[in-house]
C-alpha cells in the first residue's frame, strides 16, 4: 500500500459564511451536505447575520464541504467564506444544527 492509498487523518474546518445566509435554509442544506460527506460537527446562525460551522473528517471531504459553503442553499447569496484548518479533536458523534441563543 502506498501513502496515496492510505486514508488521510481527520482534520477540522472552522468556517464563517457571510452574505444572505440566514432565513434561506442554509443550515438545513449544510447539515444535509455534511451528512452526505460523512462529516461530524455543527452549524449555527450567529447574531451578526453570518453562519458558523465546525466540521471534522477527511481533508478531501472537508474541501468539498468548503466548496459547498461558498454556494450554500438555492436561496442563499454567499459573499465570502473565511475558514481555518485545525487538528481534529474527535469530539463529535454526528453533525447537527446548534442554536446560538
PDB file of N, CA and C in Angstrom:
ATOM      1  N   UNK A   1       0.846  -1.177   0.000  1.00  0.00           N
ATOM      2  CA  UNK A   1       0.000   0.000   0.000  1.00  0.00           C
ATOM      3  C   UNK A   1       0.893   1.242   0.000  1.00  0.00           C
ATOM      4  N   UNK A   2       0.598   2.166  -0.869  1.00  0.00           N
ATOM      5  CA  UNK A   2       1.379   3.392  -0.940  1.00  0.00           C
ATOM      6  C   UNK A   2       0.736   4.454  -0.058  1.00  0.00           C
ATOM      7  N   UNK A   3       1.465   5.522   0.296  1.00  0.00           N
ATOM      8  CA  UNK A   3       0.891   6.606   1.101  1.00  0.00           C
ATOM      9  C   UNK A   3      -0.368   7.201   0.464  1.00  0.00           C
ATOM     10  N   UNK A   4      -0.421   7.203  -0.871  1.00  0.00           N
ATOM     11  CA  UNK A   4      -1.594   7.733  -1.567  1.00  0.00           C
ATOM     12  C   UNK A   4      -2.838   6.898  -1.266  1.00  0.00           C
ATOM     13  N   UNK A   5      -2.658   5.587  -1.030  1.00  0.00           N
ATOM     14  CA  UNK A   5      -3.776   4.682  -0.771  1.00  0.00           C
ATOM     15  C   UNK A   5      -4.267   4.735   0.670  1.00  0.00           C
ATOM     16  N   UNK A   6      -3.471   5.302   1.562  1.00  0.00           N
ATOM     17  CA  UNK A   6      -3.849   5.348   2.967  1.00  0.00           C
ATOM     18  C   UNK A   6      -4.875   6.459   3.203  1.00  0.00           C
ATOM     19  N   UNK A   7      -5.864   6.192   4.066  1.00  0.00           N
ATOM     20  CA  UNK A   7      -6.834   7.254   4.355  1.00  0.00           C
ATOM     21  C   UNK A   7      -6.160   8.399   5.091  1.00  0.00           C
ATOM     22  N   UNK A   8      -6.583   9.621   4.781  1.00  0.00           N
ATOM     23  CA  UNK A   8      -5.996  10.770   5.460  1.00  0.00           C
ATOM     24  C   UNK A   8      -6.532  10.846   6.880  1.00  0.00           C
ATOM     25  N   UNK A   9      -5.723  11.384   7.772  1.00  0.00           N
ATOM     26  CA  UNK A   9      -6.176  11.542   9.146  1.00  0.00           C
ATOM     27  C   UNK A   9      -7.222  12.642   9.194  1.00  0.00           C
ATOM     28  N   UNK A  10      -8.178  12.512  10.103  1.00  0.00           N
ATOM     29  CA  UNK A  10      -9.239  13.526  10.186  1.00  0.00           C
ATOM     30  C   UNK A  10      -8.670  14.914  10.483  1.00  0.00           C
ATOM     31  N   UNK A  11      -9.326  15.902   9.926  1.00  0.00           N
ATOM     32  CA  UNK A  11      -8.968  17.294  10.160  1.00  0.00           C
ATOM     33  C   UNK A  11     -10.225  18.045  10.564  1.00  0.00           C
ATOM     34  N   UNK A  12     -10.048  19.301  10.963  1.00  0.00           N
ATOM     35  CA  UNK A  12     -11.170  20.144  11.369  1.00  0.00           C
ATOM     36  C   UNK A  12     -11.165  21.414  10.526  1.00  0.00           C
ATOM     37  N   UNK A  13     -12.348  21.772  10.056  1.00  0.00           N
ATOM     38  CA  UNK A  13     -12.552  23.009   9.321  1.00  0.00           C
ATOM     39  C   UNK A  13     -13.487  23.894  10.129  1.00  0.00           C
ATOM     40  N   UNK A  14     -13.066  25.121  10.380  1.00  0.00           N
ATOM     41  CA  UNK A  14     -13.910  26.122  11.048  1.00  0.00           C
ATOM     42  C   UNK A  14     -14.163  27.215  10.017  1.00  0.00           C
ATOM     43  N   UNK A  15     -15.449  27.475   9.723  1.00  0.00           N
ATOM     44  CA  UNK A  15     -15.768  28.445   8.675  1.00  0.00           C
ATOM     45  C   UNK A  15     -16.869  29.403   9.118  1.00  0.00           C
ATOM     46  N   UNK A  16     -16.754  30.635   8.644  1.00  0.00           N
ATOM     47  CA  UNK A  16     -17.777  31.661   8.827  1.00  0.00           C
ATOM     48  C   UNK A  16     -18.239  32.054   7.425  1.00  0.00           C
ATOM     49  N   UNK A  17     -19.554  31.968   7.211  1.00  0.00           N
ATOM     50  CA  UNK A  17     -20.130  32.251   5.899  1.00  0.00           C
ATOM     51  C   UNK A  17     -20.866  33.584   5.974  1.00  0.00           C
ATOM     52  N   UNK A  18     -20.512  34.502   5.073  1.00  0.00           N
ATOM     53  CA  UNK A  18     -21.074  35.851   5.031  1.00  0.00           C
ATOM     54  C   UNK A  18     -22.018  35.990   3.838  1.00  0.00           C
ATOM     55  N   UNK A  19     -22.961  36.891   3.955  1.00  0.00           N
ATOM     56  CA  UNK A  19     -23.890  37.180   2.873  1.00  0.00           C
ATOM     57  C   UNK A  19     -25.320  37.008   3.366  1.00  0.00           C
ATOM     58  N   UNK A  20     -26.232  36.765   2.436  1.00  0.00           N
ATOM     59  CA  UNK A  20     -27.610  36.483   2.813  1.00  0.00           C
ATOM     60  C   UNK A  20     -27.706  34.972   3.053  1.00  0.00           C
ATOM     61  N   UNK A  21     -27.412  34.591   4.299  1.00  0.00           N
ATOM     62  CA  UNK A  21     -27.299  33.170   4.621  1.00  0.00           C
ATOM     63  C   UNK A  21     -28.199  32.750   5.789  1.00  0.00           C
ATOM     64  N   UNK A  22     -28.971  33.671   6.311  1.00  0.00           N
ATOM     65  CA  UNK A  22     -29.934  33.323   7.362  1.00  0.00           C
ATOM     66  C   UNK A  22     -31.336  33.483   6.804  1.00  0.00           C
ATOM     67  N   UNK A  23     -32.236  32.590   7.223  1.00  0.00           N
ATOM     68  CA  UNK A  23     -33.605  32.631   6.744  1.00  0.00           C
ATOM     69  C   UNK A  23     -33.775  32.066   5.339  1.00  0.00           C
ATOM     70  N   UNK A  24     -32.769  31.339   4.856  1.00  0.00           N
ATOM     71  CA  UNK A  24     -32.811  30.777   3.495  1.00  0.00           C
ATOM     72  C   UNK A  24     -32.483  29.277   3.504  1.00  0.00           C
ATOM     73  N   UNK A  25     -32.723  28.620   4.623  1.00  0.00           N
ATOM     74  CA  UNK A  25     -32.473  27.179   4.789  1.00  0.00           C
ATOM     75  C   UNK A  25     -31.003  26.791   4.667  1.00  0.00           C
ATOM     76  N   UNK A  26     -30.116  27.734   4.909  1.00  0.00           N
ATOM     77  CA  UNK A  26     -28.681  27.464   4.790  1.00  0.00           C
ATOM     78  C   UNK A  26     -28.243  26.366   5.753  1.00  0.00           C
ATOM     79  N   UNK A  27     -28.695  26.438   7.007  1.00  0.00           N
ATOM     80  CA  UNK A  27     -28.273  25.435   7.994  1.00  0.00           C
ATOM     81  C   UNK A  27     -28.762  24.042   7.613  1.00  0.00           C
ATOM     82  N   UNK A  28     -29.998  23.935   7.140  1.00  0.00           N
ATOM     83  CA  UNK A  28     -30.541  22.626   6.765  1.00  0.00           C
ATOM     84  C   UNK A  28     -29.763  22.021   5.593  1.00  0.00           C
ATOM     85  N   UNK A  29     -29.475  22.835   4.593  1.00  0.00           N
ATOM     86  CA  UNK A  29     -28.700  22.345   3.456  1.00  0.00           C
ATOM     87  C   UNK A  29     -27.278  21.980   3.880  1.00  0.00           C
ATOM     88  N   UNK A  30     -26.718  22.759   4.788  1.00  0.00           N
ATOM     89  CA  UNK A  30     -25.363  22.485   5.281  1.00  0.00           C
ATOM     90  C   UNK A  30     -25.325  21.166   6.030  1.00  0.00           C
ATOM     91  N   UNK A  31     -26.331  20.932   6.866  1.00  0.00           N
ATOM     92  CA  UNK A  31     -26.387  19.668   7.604  1.00  0.00           C
ATOM     93  C   UNK A  31     -26.544  18.493   6.634  1.00  0.00           C
ATOM     94  N   UNK A  32     -27.386  18.647   5.640  1.00  0.00           N
ATOM     95  CA  UNK A  32     -27.577  17.581   4.647  1.00  0.00           C
ATOM     96  C   UNK A  32     -26.274  17.276   3.913  1.00  0.00           C
ATOM     97  N   UNK A  33     -25.540  18.326   3.526  1.00  0.00           N
ATOM     98  CA  UNK A  33     -24.276  18.126   2.815  1.00  0.00           C
ATOM     99  C   UNK A  33     -23.230  17.472   3.715  1.00  0.00           C
ATOM    100  N   UNK A  34     -23.180  17.888   4.970  1.00  0.00           N
ATOM    101  CA  UNK A  34     -22.231  17.276   5.917  1.00  0.00           C
ATOM    102  C   UNK A  34     -22.543  15.790   6.093  1.00  0.00           C
ATOM    103  N   UNK A  35     -23.812  15.446   6.209  1.00  0.00           N
ATOM    104  CA  UNK A  35     -24.188  14.031   6.335  1.00  0.00           C
ATOM    105  C   UNK A  35     -23.793  13.266   5.076  1.00  0.00           C
ATOM    106  N   UNK A  36     -24.048  13.851   3.915  1.00  0.00           N
ATOM    107  CA  UNK A  36     -23.701  13.197   2.653  1.00  0.00           C
ATOM    108  C   UNK A  36     -22.202  12.910   2.570  1.00  0.00           C
ATOM    109  N   UNK A  37     -21.398  13.834   3.091  1.00  0.00           N
ATOM    110  CA  UNK A  37     -19.941  13.697   3.042  1.00  0.00           C
ATOM    111  C   UNK A  37     -19.365  12.898   4.215  1.00  0.00           C
ATOM    112  N   UNK A  38     -20.219  12.497   5.169  1.00  0.00           N
ATOM    113  CA  UNK A  38     -19.751  11.717   6.316  1.00  0.00           C
ATOM    114  C   UNK A  38     -19.002  12.543   7.343  1.00  0.00           C
ATOM    115  N   UNK A  39     -19.326  13.830   7.450  1.00  0.00           N
ATOM    116  CA  UNK A  39     -18.640  14.712   8.393  1.00  0.00           C
ATOM    117  C   UNK A  39     -19.375  14.781   9.722  1.00  0.00           C
ATOM    118  N   UNK A  40     -18.661  15.165  10.758  1.00  0.00           N
ATOM    119  CA  UNK A  40     -19.259  15.428  12.061  1.00  0.00           C
ATOM    120  C   UNK A  40     -19.011  16.892  12.411  1.00  0.00           C
ATOM    121  N   UNK A  41     -19.832  17.428  13.334  1.00  0.00           N
ATOM    122  CA  UNK A  41     -19.655  18.807  13.762  1.00  0.00           C
ATOM    123  C   UNK A  41     -20.972  19.507  13.944  1.00  0.00           C
ATOM    124  N   UNK A  42     -21.001  20.799  13.606  1.00  0.00           N
ATOM    125  CA  UNK A  42     -22.214  21.586  13.805  1.00  0.00           C
ATOM    126  C   UNK A  42     -22.241  22.808  12.908  1.00  0.00           C
ATOM    127  N   UNK A  43     -23.437  23.417  12.801  1.00  0.00           N
ATOM    128  CA  UNK A  43     -23.644  24.673  12.077  1.00  0.00           C
ATOM    129  C   UNK A  43     -24.626  25.504  12.892  1.00  0.00           C
ATOM    130  N   UNK A  44     -24.448  26.835  12.893  1.00  0.00           N
ATOM    131  CA  UNK A  44     -25.361  27.702  13.629  1.00  0.00           C
ATOM    132  C   UNK A  44     -25.405  29.098  13.014  1.00  0.00           C
ATOM    133  N   UNK A  45     -26.549  29.765  13.219  1.00  0.00           N
ATOM    134  CA  UNK A  45     -26.661  31.178  12.886  1.00  0.00           C
ATOM    135  C   UNK A  45     -25.976  31.980  13.982  1.00  0.00           C
ATOM    136  N   UNK A  46     -25.344  33.079  13.611  1.00  0.00           N
ATOM    137  CA  UNK A  46     -24.681  33.970  14.553  1.00  0.00           C
ATOM    138  C   UNK A  46     -25.442  35.302  14.523  1.00  0.00           C
ATOM    139  N   UNK A  47     -25.576  35.972  15.686  1.00  0.00           N
ATOM    140  CA  UNK A  47     -26.344  37.218  15.727  1.00  0.00           C
ATOM    141  C   UNK A  47     -25.921  38.285  14.716  1.00  0.00           C
ATOM    142  N   UNK A  48     -24.692  38.263  14.237  1.00  0.00           N
ATOM    143  CA  UNK A  48     -24.240  39.280  13.276  1.00  0.00           C
ATOM    144  C   UNK A  48     -24.707  39.008  11.844  1.00  0.00           C
ATOM    145  N   UNK A  49     -25.493  37.941  11.645  1.00  0.00           N
ATOM    146  CA  UNK A  49     -26.026  37.623  10.324  1.00  0.00           C
ATOM    147  C   UNK A  49     -25.239  36.589   9.548  1.00  0.00           C
ATOM    148  N   UNK A  50     -24.117  36.131  10.097  1.00  0.00           N
ATOM    149  CA  UNK A  50     -23.320  35.096   9.439  1.00  0.00           C
ATOM    150  C   UNK A  50     -23.786  33.717   9.893  1.00  0.00           C
ATOM    151  N   UNK A  51     -23.238  32.696   9.257  1.00  0.00           N
ATOM    152  CA  UNK A  51     -23.427  31.311   9.674  1.00  0.00           C
ATOM    153  C   UNK A  51     -22.046  30.761   9.985  1.00  0.00           C
ATOM    154  N   UNK A  52     -21.936  30.088  11.116  1.00  0.00           N
ATOM    155  CA  UNK A  52     -20.666  29.499  11.557  1.00  0.00           C
ATOM    156  C   UNK A  52     -20.802  27.984  11.538  1.00  0.00           C
ATOM    157  N   UNK A  53     -19.748  27.313  11.128  1.00  0.00           N
ATOM    158  CA  UNK A  53     -19.752  25.859  11.140  1.00  0.00           C
ATOM    159  C   UNK A  53     -18.376  25.318  11.524  1.00  0.00           C
ATOM    160  N   UNK A  54     -18.384  24.196  12.201  1.00  0.00           N
ATOM    161  CA  UNK A  54     -17.180  23.431  12.507  1.00  0.00           C
ATOM    162  C   UNK A  54     -17.454  22.016  12.036  1.00  0.00           C
ATOM    163  N   UNK A  55     -16.560  21.474  11.220  1.00  0.00           N
ATOM    164  CA  UNK A  55     -16.743  20.126  10.699  1.00  0.00           C
ATOM    165  C   UNK A  55     -15.438  19.357  10.786  1.00  0.00           C
ATOM    166  N   UNK A  56     -15.565  18.070  11.053  1.00  0.00           N
ATOM    167  CA  UNK A  56     -14.393  17.198  11.107  1.00  0.00           C
ATOM    168  C   UNK A  56     -14.587  16.017  10.171  1.00  0.00           C
ATOM    169  N   UNK A  57     -13.479  15.588   9.583  1.00  0.00           N
ATOM    170  CA  UNK A  57     -13.490  14.437   8.692  1.00  0.00           C
ATOM    171  C   UNK A  57     -12.250  14.438   7.827  1.00  0.00           C
ATOM    172  N   UNK A  58     -12.238  13.603   6.796  1.00  0.00           N
ATOM    173  CA  UNK A  58     -11.098  13.563   5.882  1.00  0.00           C
ATOM    174  C   UNK A  58     -10.944  14.885   5.127  1.00  0.00           C
ATOM    175  N   UNK A  59      -9.730  15.274   4.854  1.00  0.00           N
ATOM    176  CA  UNK A  59      -9.444  16.549   4.190  1.00  0.00           C
ATOM    177  C   UNK A  59     -10.214  16.691   2.870  1.00  0.00           C
ATOM    178  N   UNK A  60     -10.256  15.642   2.080  1.00  0.00           N
ATOM    179  CA  UNK A  60     -10.939  15.705   0.786  1.00  0.00           C
ATOM    180  C   UNK A  60     -12.430  16.029   0.969  1.00  0.00           C
ATOM    181  N   UNK A  61     -13.075  15.384   1.938  1.00  0.00           N
ATOM    182  CA  UNK A  61     -14.495  15.654   2.199  1.00  0.00           C
ATOM    183  C   UNK A  61     -14.679  17.082   2.712  1.00  0.00           C
ATOM    184  N   UNK A  62     -13.773  17.544   3.546  1.00  0.00           N
ATOM    185  CA  UNK A  62     -13.855  18.908   4.069  1.00  0.00           C
ATOM    186  C   UNK A  62     -13.656  19.947   2.961  1.00  0.00           C
ATOM    187  N   UNK A  63     -12.801  19.651   2.008  1.00  0.00           N
ATOM    188  CA  UNK A  63     -12.615  20.570   0.887  1.00  0.00           C
ATOM    189  C   UNK A  63     -13.885  20.654   0.044  1.00  0.00           C
ATOM    190  N   UNK A  64     -14.567  19.523  -0.146  1.00  0.00           N
ATOM    191  CA  UNK A  64     -15.855  19.533  -0.849  1.00  0.00           C
ATOM    192  C   UNK A  64     -16.885  20.324  -0.059  1.00  0.00           C
ATOM    193  N   UNK A  65     -16.879  20.164   1.247  1.00  0.00           N
ATOM    194  CA  UNK A  65     -17.794  20.898   2.129  1.00  0.00           C
ATOM    195  C   UNK A  65     -17.537  22.402   2.023  1.00  0.00           C
ATOM    196  N   UNK A  66     -16.276  22.799   1.994  1.00  0.00           N
ATOM    197  CA  UNK A  66     -15.919  24.201   1.865  1.00  0.00           C
ATOM    198  C   UNK A  66     -16.410  24.765   0.527  1.00  0.00           C
ATOM    199  N   UNK A  67     -16.317  23.989  -0.527  1.00  0.00           N
ATOM    200  CA  UNK A  67     -16.842  24.416  -1.826  1.00  0.00           C
ATOM    201  C   UNK A  67     -18.357  24.617  -1.735  1.00  0.00           C
ATOM    202  N   UNK A  68     -19.040  23.682  -1.065  1.00  0.00           N
ATOM    203  CA  UNK A  68     -20.486  23.831  -0.880  1.00  0.00           C
ATOM    204  C   UNK A  68     -20.805  25.121  -0.132  1.00  0.00           C
ATOM    205  N   UNK A  69     -20.051  25.419   0.917  1.00  0.00           N
ATOM    206  CA  UNK A  69     -20.318  26.608   1.722  1.00  0.00           C
ATOM    207  C   UNK A  69     -20.218  27.888   0.899  1.00  0.00           C
ATOM    208  N   UNK A  70     -19.397  27.898  -0.120  1.00  0.00           N
ATOM    209  CA  UNK A  70     -19.258  29.103  -0.939  1.00  0.00           C
ATOM    210  C   UNK A  70     -20.462  29.328  -1.845  1.00  0.00           C
ATOM    211  N   UNK A  71     -21.334  28.323  -1.941  1.00  0.00           N
ATOM    212  CA  UNK A  71     -22.558  28.425  -2.738  1.00  0.00           C
ATOM    213  C   UNK A  71     -23.785  28.407  -1.833  1.00  0.00           C
ATOM    214  N   UNK A  72     -23.852  27.407  -0.955  1.00  0.00           N
ATOM    215  CA  UNK A  72     -24.946  27.315   0.007  1.00  0.00           C
ATOM    216  C   UNK A  72     -26.253  26.831  -0.574  1.00  0.00           C
ATOM    217  N   UNK A  73     -27.328  27.169   0.103  1.00  0.00           N
ATOM    218  CA  UNK A  73     -28.670  26.761  -0.314  1.00  0.00           C
ATOM    219  C   UNK A  73     -29.089  27.553  -1.562  1.00  0.00           C
ATOM    220  N   UNK A  74     -30.098  27.048  -2.286  1.00  0.00           N
ATOM    221  CA  UNK A  74     -30.519  27.739  -3.510  1.00  0.00           C
ATOM    222  C   UNK A  74     -30.918  29.203  -3.303  1.00  0.00           C
ATOM    223  N   UNK A  75     -31.470  29.542  -2.148  1.00  0.00           N
ATOM    224  CA  UNK A  75     -31.919  30.913  -1.897  1.00  0.00           C
ATOM    225  C   UNK A  75     -30.840  31.799  -1.278  1.00  0.00           C
ATOM    226  N   UNK A  76     -29.699  31.222  -0.931  1.00  0.00           N
ATOM    227  CA  UNK A  76     -28.625  31.986  -0.283  1.00  0.00           C
ATOM    228  C   UNK A  76     -27.851  32.820  -1.297  1.00  0.00           C
ATOM    229  N   UNK A  77     -27.186  33.835  -0.782  1.00  0.00           N
ATOM    230  CA  UNK A  77     -26.274  34.644  -1.580  1.00  0.00           C
ATOM    231  C   UNK A  77     -25.002  34.834  -0.755  1.00  0.00           C
ATOM    232  N   UNK A  78     -24.046  33.941  -0.965  1.00  0.00           N
ATOM    233  CA  UNK A  78     -22.800  33.960  -0.205  1.00  0.00           C
ATOM    234  C   UNK A  78     -21.850  34.990  -0.809  1.00  0.00           C
ATOM    235  N   UNK A  79     -21.334  35.875   0.043  1.00  0.00           N
ATOM    236  CA  UNK A  79     -20.390  36.889  -0.435  1.00  0.00           C
ATOM    237  C   UNK A  79     -18.946  36.559  -0.059  1.00  0.00           C
ATOM    238  N   UNK A  80     -18.779  35.784   1.025  1.00  0.00           N
ATOM    239  CA  UNK A  80     -17.415  35.470   1.482  1.00  0.00           C
ATOM    240  C   UNK A  80     -17.481  34.314   2.465  1.00  0.00           C
ATOM    241  N   UNK A  81     -16.453  33.471   2.442  1.00  0.00           N
ATOM    242  CA  UNK A  81     -16.287  32.412   3.442  1.00  0.00           C
ATOM    243  C   UNK A  81     -14.887  32.547   4.003  1.00  0.00           C
ATOM    244  N   UNK A  82     -14.788  32.721   5.307  1.00  0.00           N
ATOM    245  CA  UNK A  82     -13.481  32.717   5.955  1.00  0.00           C
ATOM    246  C   UNK A  82     -13.334  31.369   6.646  1.00  0.00           C
ATOM    247  N   UNK A  83     -12.176  30.766   6.509  1.00  0.00           N
ATOM    248  CA  UNK A  83     -12.002  29.432   7.073  1.00  0.00           C
ATOM    249  C   UNK A  83     -10.609  29.249   7.645  1.00  0.00           C
ATOM    250  N   UNK A  84     -10.539  28.356   8.612  1.00  0.00           N
ATOM    251  CA  UNK A  84      -9.252  27.951   9.191  1.00  0.00           C
ATOM    252  C   UNK A  84      -9.252  26.435   9.301  1.00  0.00           C
ATOM    253  N   UNK A  85      -8.076  25.872   9.148  1.00  0.00           N
ATOM    254  CA  UNK A  85      -7.881  24.430   9.293  1.00  0.00           C
ATOM    255  C   UNK A  85      -7.232  24.168  10.640  1.00  0.00           C
ATOM    256  N   UNK A  86      -7.726  23.156  11.319  1.00  0.00           N
ATOM    257  CA  UNK A  86      -7.215  22.803  12.641  1.00  0.00           C
ATOM    258  C   UNK A  86      -7.063  21.289  12.739  1.00  0.00           C
ATOM    259  N   UNK A  87      -6.497  20.853  13.831  1.00  0.00           N
ATOM    260  CA  UNK A  87      -6.388  19.422  14.092  1.00  0.00           C
ATOM    261  C   UNK A  87      -7.725  18.929  14.641  1.00  0.00           C
ATOM    262  N   UNK A  88      -8.197  17.802  14.143  1.00  0.00           N
ATOM    263  CA  UNK A  88      -9.466  17.234  14.611  1.00  0.00           C
ATOM    264  C   UNK A  88      -9.348  16.808  16.068  1.00  0.00           C
ATOM    265  N   UNK A  89     -10.439  16.956  16.802  1.00  0.00           N
ATOM    266  CA  UNK A  89     -10.473  16.540  18.205  1.00  0.00           C
ATOM    267  C   UNK A  89     -11.250  15.250  18.401  1.00  0.00           C
ATOM    268  N   UNK A  90     -12.111  14.906  17.452  1.00  0.00           N
ATOM    269  CA  UNK A  90     -12.923  13.703  17.578  1.00  0.00           C
ATOM    270  C   UNK A  90     -14.058  13.848  18.579  1.00  0.00           C
ATOM    271  N   UNK A  91     -14.411  15.075  18.949  1.00  0.00           N
ATOM    272  CA  UNK A  91     -15.414  15.297  19.991  1.00  0.00           C
ATOM    273  C   UNK A  91     -16.856  15.130  19.516  1.00  0.00           C
ATOM    274  N   UNK A  92     -17.087  15.047  18.209  1.00  0.00           N
ATOM    275  CA  UNK A  92     -18.451  14.985  17.689  1.00  0.00           C
ATOM    276  C   UNK A  92     -18.838  13.569  17.276  1.00  0.00           C
ATOM    277  N   UNK A  93     -20.100  13.225  17.510  1.00  0.00           N
ATOM    278  CA  UNK A  93     -20.625  11.931  17.092  1.00  0.00           C
ATOM    279  C   UNK A  93     -21.411  12.032  15.788  1.00  0.00           C
ATOM    280  N   UNK A  94     -21.902  13.242  15.492  1.00  0.00           N
ATOM    281  CA  UNK A  94     -22.711  13.464  14.300  1.00  0.00           C
ATOM    282  C   UNK A  94     -22.588  14.924  13.891  1.00  0.00           C
ATOM    283  N   UNK A  95     -23.403  15.325  12.942  1.00  0.00           N
ATOM    284  CA  UNK A  95     -23.425  16.722  12.520  1.00  0.00           C
ATOM    285  C   UNK A  95     -24.823  17.246  12.776  1.00  0.00           C
ATOM    286  N   UNK A  96     -24.917  18.391  13.458  1.00  0.00           N
ATOM    287  CA  UNK A  96     -26.239  18.918  13.801  1.00  0.00           C
ATOM    288  C   UNK A  96     -26.260  20.441  13.807  1.00  0.00           C
ATOM    289  N   UNK A  97     -27.479  20.973  13.846  1.00  0.00           N
ATOM    290  CA  UNK A  97     -27.675  22.405  13.970  1.00  0.00           C
ATOM    291  C   UNK A  97     -27.571  22.766  15.433  1.00  0.00           C
ATOM    292  N   UNK A  98     -26.820  23.813  15.718  1.00  0.00           N
ATOM    293  CA  UNK A  98     -26.742  24.380  17.076  1.00  0.00           C
ATOM    294  C   UNK A  98     -27.485  25.705  17.076  1.00  0.00           C
ATOM    295  N   UNK A  99     -27.982  26.062  18.235  1.00  0.00           N
ATOM    296  CA  UNK A  99     -28.706  27.312  18.364  1.00  0.00           C
ATOM    297  C   UNK A  99     -27.913  28.241  19.254  1.00  0.00           C
ATOM    298  N   UNK A 100     -27.598  29.432  18.734  1.00  0.00           N
ATOM    299  CA  UNK A 100     -26.708  30.373  19.392  1.00  0.00           C
ATOM    300  C   UNK A 100     -27.324  30.940  20.646  1.00  0.00           C
ATOM    301  N   UNK A 101     -28.561  31.335  20.548  1.00  0.00           N
ATOM    302  CA  UNK A 101     -29.172  31.955  21.714  1.00  0.00           C
ATOM    303  C   UNK A 101     -30.250  31.138  22.282  1.00  0.00           C
TER     304      UNK A 101
END
